[in-house]
């Protein structure tokens, strides 16, 4: 069996909940995510599956495929000053590149 492929993704404003129910965020975070399996027989390599009726009366829902869940495998919380979406002093607008 092949090992799942992983990708490191930077999230500028991630929300999470601690076990006591208190929310964390928005905070910048690095997440180690599994990428979709291109040979998956459930999603066909898309990473999500459309559920619900195909009629025009309802909007379809998308559910994460087991081959690539949306939630990260590992999270690394970055300090709040690493948030590149906020305005900084001396900068004309938001910075769109990660702090590393």
Protein backbone atom coordinates (compact mmCIF):
# COMPACT_ATOMS: atom_id res chain seq x y z
CA UNK A 1 0.00 0.00 0.00
CA UNK A 2 1.28 3.45 -0.90
CA UNK A 3 1.80 6.12 1.71
CA UNK A 4 -0.60 9.08 1.42
CA UNK A 5 0.87 12.17 -0.18
CA UNK A 6 1.10 15.20 2.10
CA UNK A 7 1.12 18.93 1.45
CA UNK A 8 2.07 21.81 3.78
CA UNK A 9 -0.55 24.57 3.43
CA UNK A 10 -0.48 28.05 5.01
CA UNK A 11 -3.85 29.23 6.38
CA UNK A 12 -3.90 32.96 7.29
CA UNK A 13 -7.05 32.77 9.45
CA UNK A 14 -7.89 29.33 10.85
CA UNK A 15 -10.52 28.68 13.52
CA UNK A 16 -10.40 25.74 15.88
CA UNK A 17 -12.05 24.62 19.10
CA UNK A 18 -10.25 23.33 22.13
CA UNK A 19 -11.60 20.27 24.00
CA UNK A 20 -13.19 22.58 26.59
CA UNK A 21 -15.27 24.21 23.82
CA UNK A 22 -13.43 27.53 23.74
CA UNK A 23 -12.69 28.72 20.23
CA UNK A 24 -9.23 29.61 18.94
CA UNK A 25 -8.82 32.00 16.08
CA UNK A 26 -8.62 33.44 13.69
CA UNK A 27 -4.91 32.63 13.90
CA UNK A 28 -2.35 31.90 11.21
CA UNK A 29 -1.57 28.21 10.98
CA UNK A 30 0.50 25.76 8.97
CA UNK A 31 -1.38 22.57 8.27
CA UNK A 32 -0.09 19.26 7.04
CA UNK A 33 -2.87 17.99 4.76
CA UNK A 34 -3.33 14.78 2.85
CA UNK A 35 -3.75 15.40 -0.87
CA UNK A 36 -6.46 13.53 -2.81
CA UNK A 37 -5.57 10.13 -4.22
CA UNK A 38 -5.75 10.42 -8.02
CA UNK A 39 -6.89 6.77 -8.24
CA UNK A 40 -9.67 7.04 -5.64
CA UNK A 41 -12.79 5.17 -6.76
CA UNK A 42 -15.07 7.33 -4.56
CA UNK A 43 -14.14 10.88 -5.64
CA UNK A 44 -12.00 10.28 -8.74
CA UNK A 45 -9.15 12.41 -7.36
CA UNK A 46 -11.26 15.50 -6.57
CA UNK A 47 -11.07 15.18 -2.77
CA UNK A 48 -14.79 15.78 -2.19
CA UNK A 49 -18.03 14.03 -3.07
CA UNK A 50 -21.29 15.73 -4.06
CA UNK A 51 -24.25 14.58 -1.97
CA UNK A 52 -27.95 15.40 -1.99
CA UNK A 53 -30.42 15.29 -4.83
CA UNK A 54 -29.48 16.24 -8.34
CA UNK A 55 -32.74 18.13 -8.86
CA UNK A 56 -32.66 21.87 -9.32
CA UNK A 57 -34.76 22.47 -6.19
CA UNK A 58 -31.92 21.83 -3.74
CA UNK A 59 -28.31 22.93 -3.65
CA UNK A 60 -25.92 19.97 -3.58
CA UNK A 61 -23.67 19.46 -0.57
CA UNK A 62 -20.02 18.52 -0.78
CA UNK A 63 -18.55 16.07 1.73
CA UNK A 64 -14.83 15.38 2.23
CA UNK A 65 -13.69 12.09 0.76
CA UNK A 66 -11.90 9.71 3.16
CA UNK A 67 -8.84 9.84 0.88
CA UNK A 68 -8.32 13.58 1.59
CA UNK A 69 -10.10 15.06 4.62
CA UNK A 70 -10.30 18.85 4.92
CA UNK A 71 -9.00 18.87 8.49
CA UNK A 72 -5.19 18.82 8.71
CA UNK A 73 -3.28 15.84 9.99
CA UNK A 74 -0.93 18.12 11.95
CA UNK A 75 -1.28 21.79 12.88
CA UNK A 76 1.41 24.30 13.78
CA UNK A 77 -0.06 27.47 15.25
CA UNK A 78 1.91 30.56 14.29
CA UNK A 79 2.06 33.70 16.47
CA UNK A 80 -0.57 36.35 15.82
CA UNK A 81 2.03 38.76 14.42
CA UNK A 82 2.63 36.28 11.59
CA UNK A 83 -0.86 36.96 10.19
CA UNK A 84 -0.15 38.42 6.76
CA UNK A 85 -3.78 39.38 6.07
CA UNK A 86 -3.81 42.31 8.49
CA UNK A 87 -2.52 45.76 7.67
CA UNK A 88 0.95 46.53 8.88
CA UNK A 89 2.53 49.90 9.65
CA UNK A 90 4.38 51.34 6.68
CA UNK A 91 2.74 48.93 4.25
CA UNK A 92 0.16 50.26 1.78
CA UNK A 93 -2.04 47.14 2.02
CA UNK A 94 -2.24 43.56 3.17
CA UNK A 95 0.79 41.36 2.53
CA UNK A 96 -0.03 38.31 0.43
CA UNK A 97 3.05 36.21 1.07
CA UNK A 98 3.73 33.91 4.03
CA UNK A 99 6.05 35.11 6.83
CA UNK A 100 8.68 32.44 6.13
